Amino acid sequence: MHRALGNLGVLWDEVRSTIIGFTYRDDLSGHLYIDPTFEKLQKEFENVLKKTIRIQSASADRTMFTVSAEAPGVPVEFYLYDASVSELSPLGSIAPQLAGQATGRVSSFAFEARDGLDILPEIKNKGANGHVPKIVILTVRKEQRIIEQAFALGADAYVTKPF
C-alpha cells in the first residue's frame, strides 16, 4: 500500500491501481488522503476518537478497514471498521500493559542556524520541573568525533539519517 519516495511516500490501492494518498515523514509523520472514501473516513474517525488516524488497510471491496489511532502520551490503538454496518470495533493496543497510564511525549524541534551540539547543554540543563529530558540526536553527521562529542555533552542516543 506504500511506496517510499524519500521523505514522501505514495499510498497505493493495488486493487484499483490508483493513488489514494501520500505519507509524509519529516519531524512528524502522517497520511494525507486524496481518495474521497479514505479522506472521509479519516476525518470521521478523527472527530470521534480525537486522535490522529491512519487507515492501515482495506478489503478489496472497501467494506472492512483496519485503522490505527494515536495521540501524544498514549499507546497506539487499532480498530476494525465494518462499513457495511458503520461499526468501529477496537482490536487492541500496541502496548496494552500501559492502558490507563500516561506515557512520555516526543518533542521534535529545530533551531535555525544553530548546531544541535551547541544547544544540547542548554536543553539538558533546563529540564522542566527538574525533569531532565531524554535527548536523541537525529542527524546526517557520521564522524566519530562528533558522535563522541554529542555523548559527552549529554545526548542519550545518536541516530544518523540514511540519505
Protein backbone atom coordinates (compact mmCIF):
# COMPACT_ATOMS: atom_id res chain seq x y z
CA MET A 1 0.00 0.00 0.00
CA HIS A 2 3.01 2.30 0.43
CA ARG A 3 5.88 3.09 -1.92
CA ALA A 4 8.65 5.20 -0.42
CA LEU A 5 9.89 8.26 -2.29
CA GLY A 6 12.41 9.81 0.06
CA ASN A 7 10.53 11.63 2.81
CA LEU A 8 7.30 11.31 0.83
CA GLY A 9 5.50 8.09 0.09
CA VAL A 10 2.58 7.13 -2.08
CA LEU A 11 -0.40 5.25 -0.66
CA TRP A 12 -1.35 2.93 -3.49
CA ASP A 13 -4.56 0.94 -3.96
CA GLU A 14 -3.37 -2.33 -5.54
CA VAL A 15 -6.92 -3.41 -6.45
CA ARG A 16 -7.85 -0.20 -8.28
CA SER A 17 -4.30 0.71 -9.38
CA THR A 18 -4.73 4.27 -8.15
CA ILE A 19 -3.11 6.62 -5.69
CA ILE A 20 -5.25 7.04 -2.58
CA GLY A 21 -2.96 9.43 -0.76
CA PHE A 22 0.50 10.21 0.49
CA THR A 23 2.58 9.52 3.56
CA TYR A 24 4.98 12.10 4.82
CA ARG A 25 7.82 11.83 7.26
CA ASP A 26 9.79 14.79 8.39
CA ASP A 27 9.89 15.61 12.07
CA LEU A 28 6.44 14.04 12.31
CA SER A 29 4.67 11.50 10.13
CA GLY A 30 1.18 11.14 8.80
CA HIS A 31 -1.14 10.21 5.97
CA LEU A 32 -2.82 12.67 3.62
CA TYR A 33 -5.61 11.03 1.64
CA ILE A 34 -6.83 12.24 -1.75
CA ASP A 35 -9.25 9.36 -2.32
CA PRO A 36 -12.70 10.60 -1.19
CA THR A 37 -13.55 7.39 0.71
CA PHE A 38 -10.32 7.35 2.72
CA GLU A 39 -10.38 11.11 3.27
CA LYS A 40 -13.96 10.97 4.60
CA LEU A 41 -13.23 8.03 6.91
CA GLN A 42 -10.10 9.66 8.30
CA LYS A 43 -11.99 12.86 9.15
CA GLU A 44 -14.91 10.97 10.71
CA PHE A 45 -12.66 8.79 12.87
CA GLU A 46 -10.55 11.78 13.97
CA ASN A 47 -13.73 13.59 15.04
CA VAL A 48 -14.99 10.57 17.00
CA LEU A 49 -11.72 9.37 18.55
CA LYS A 50 -9.95 12.75 18.87
CA LYS A 51 -6.71 11.14 17.71
CA THR A 52 -4.54 11.07 14.61
CA ILE A 53 -5.89 8.41 12.27
CA ARG A 54 -4.13 6.26 9.69
CA ILE A 55 -6.05 3.76 7.60
CA GLN A 56 -3.68 0.81 7.56
CA SER A 57 -5.51 -1.50 5.15
CA ALA A 58 -8.79 -2.05 3.34
CA SER A 59 -10.56 -5.04 1.87
CA ALA A 60 -10.81 -5.18 -1.93
CA ASP A 61 -14.47 -4.14 -1.81
CA ARG A 62 -13.72 -1.42 0.78
CA THR A 63 -16.19 -2.75 3.33
CA MET A 64 -13.58 -3.56 6.00
CA PHE A 65 -10.75 -1.29 7.15
CA THR A 66 -8.04 -1.58 9.78
CA VAL A 67 -7.29 1.75 11.40
CA SER A 68 -4.63 3.00 13.81
CA ALA A 69 -5.30 5.85 16.21
CA GLU A 70 -2.59 7.72 18.06
CA ALA A 71 -2.30 10.70 20.35
CA PRO A 72 0.53 12.15 22.44
CA GLY A 73 1.03 10.36 25.73
CA VAL A 74 -0.96 7.18 24.95
CA PRO A 75 -0.04 3.97 23.11
CA VAL A 76 -1.28 3.49 19.53
CA GLU A 77 -4.63 1.71 19.33
CA PHE A 78 -6.01 -0.38 16.46
CA TYR A 79 -9.60 -0.67 15.23
CA LEU A 80 -11.60 -2.61 12.67
CA TYR A 81 -14.20 -0.63 10.75
CA ASP A 82 -17.05 -2.51 9.07
CA ALA A 83 -18.52 -0.07 6.54
CA SER A 84 -21.49 -2.34 5.81
CA VAL A 85 -22.86 -1.68 9.31
CA SER A 86 -20.89 1.52 10.12
CA GLU A 87 -19.26 -0.11 13.14
CA LEU A 88 -15.84 0.72 14.58
CA SER A 89 -14.58 -2.05 16.89
CA PRO A 90 -11.40 -1.98 18.99
CA LEU A 91 -8.80 -4.61 18.08
CA GLY A 92 -6.10 -3.81 20.61
CA SER A 93 -3.24 -1.57 21.58
CA ILE A 94 0.44 -1.57 20.69
CA ALA A 95 1.19 -1.63 24.44
CA PRO A 96 -1.83 -2.97 26.37
CA GLN A 97 0.22 -3.17 29.57
CA LEU A 98 0.26 0.66 29.59
CA ALA A 99 -3.53 1.08 29.37
CA GLY A 100 -4.65 3.99 31.53
CA GLN A 101 -1.11 5.18 32.16
CA ALA A 102 0.38 8.35 30.76
CA THR A 103 3.39 7.79 28.54
CA GLY A 104 6.14 10.18 27.55
CA ARG A 105 5.83 12.70 24.77
CA VAL A 106 8.22 13.09 21.89
CA SER A 107 9.08 16.66 21.03
CA SER A 108 10.85 17.30 17.78
CA PHE A 109 12.19 20.73 17.03
CA ALA A 110 14.93 22.54 15.18
CA PHE A 111 16.87 25.68 15.94
CA GLU A 112 17.50 27.74 12.86
CA ALA A 113 21.16 28.47 12.09
CA ARG A 114 22.44 26.64 15.17
CA ASP A 115 24.23 23.37 15.54
CA GLY A 116 22.41 20.81 17.67
CA LEU A 117 25.58 20.20 19.64
CA ASP A 118 25.67 23.88 20.64
CA ILE A 119 22.20 23.74 22.16
CA LEU A 120 22.45 20.28 23.71
CA PRO A 121 23.78 21.53 27.08
CA GLU A 122 21.03 24.18 27.22
CA ILE A 123 18.29 21.61 26.72
CA LYS A 124 19.85 19.12 29.12
CA ASN A 125 20.26 21.74 31.87
CA LYS A 126 16.78 23.26 31.58
CA GLY A 127 14.54 20.27 32.17
CA ALA A 128 11.02 21.33 33.17
CA ASN A 129 10.34 20.97 36.91
CA GLY A 130 13.72 19.37 37.48
CA HIS A 131 12.98 16.64 34.93
CA VAL A 132 15.86 16.13 32.52
CA PRO A 133 14.53 15.09 29.09
CA LYS A 134 15.98 12.23 27.07
CA ILE A 135 17.83 13.68 24.09
CA VAL A 136 18.11 11.81 20.79
CA ILE A 137 20.31 13.43 18.16
CA LEU A 138 18.97 12.75 14.64
CA THR A 139 21.45 13.95 12.05
CA VAL A 140 23.33 13.28 8.83
CA ARG A 141 26.70 13.74 10.56
CA LYS A 142 28.52 10.41 10.96
CA GLU A 143 32.02 11.48 12.06
CA GLN A 144 33.19 9.59 15.14
CA ARG A 145 34.47 12.74 16.86
CA ILE A 146 31.01 14.37 16.50
CA ILE A 147 29.29 11.29 17.91
CA GLU A 148 31.67 11.24 20.89
CA GLN A 149 31.14 14.97 21.43
CA ALA A 150 27.35 14.52 21.43
CA PHE A 151 27.52 11.87 24.14
CA ALA A 152 29.99 13.95 26.16
CA LEU A 153 27.52 16.86 26.05
CA GLY A 154 24.68 14.70 27.35
CA ALA A 155 22.98 13.03 24.37
CA ASP A 156 21.21 9.80 25.31
CA ALA A 157 21.20 8.42 21.75
CA TYR A 158 22.68 9.34 18.37
CA VAL A 159 20.94 8.30 15.14
CA THR A 160 22.12 9.11 11.63
CA LYS A 161 19.61 9.64 8.85
CA PRO A 162 20.07 7.39 5.83
CA PHE A 163 20.13 9.68 2.79
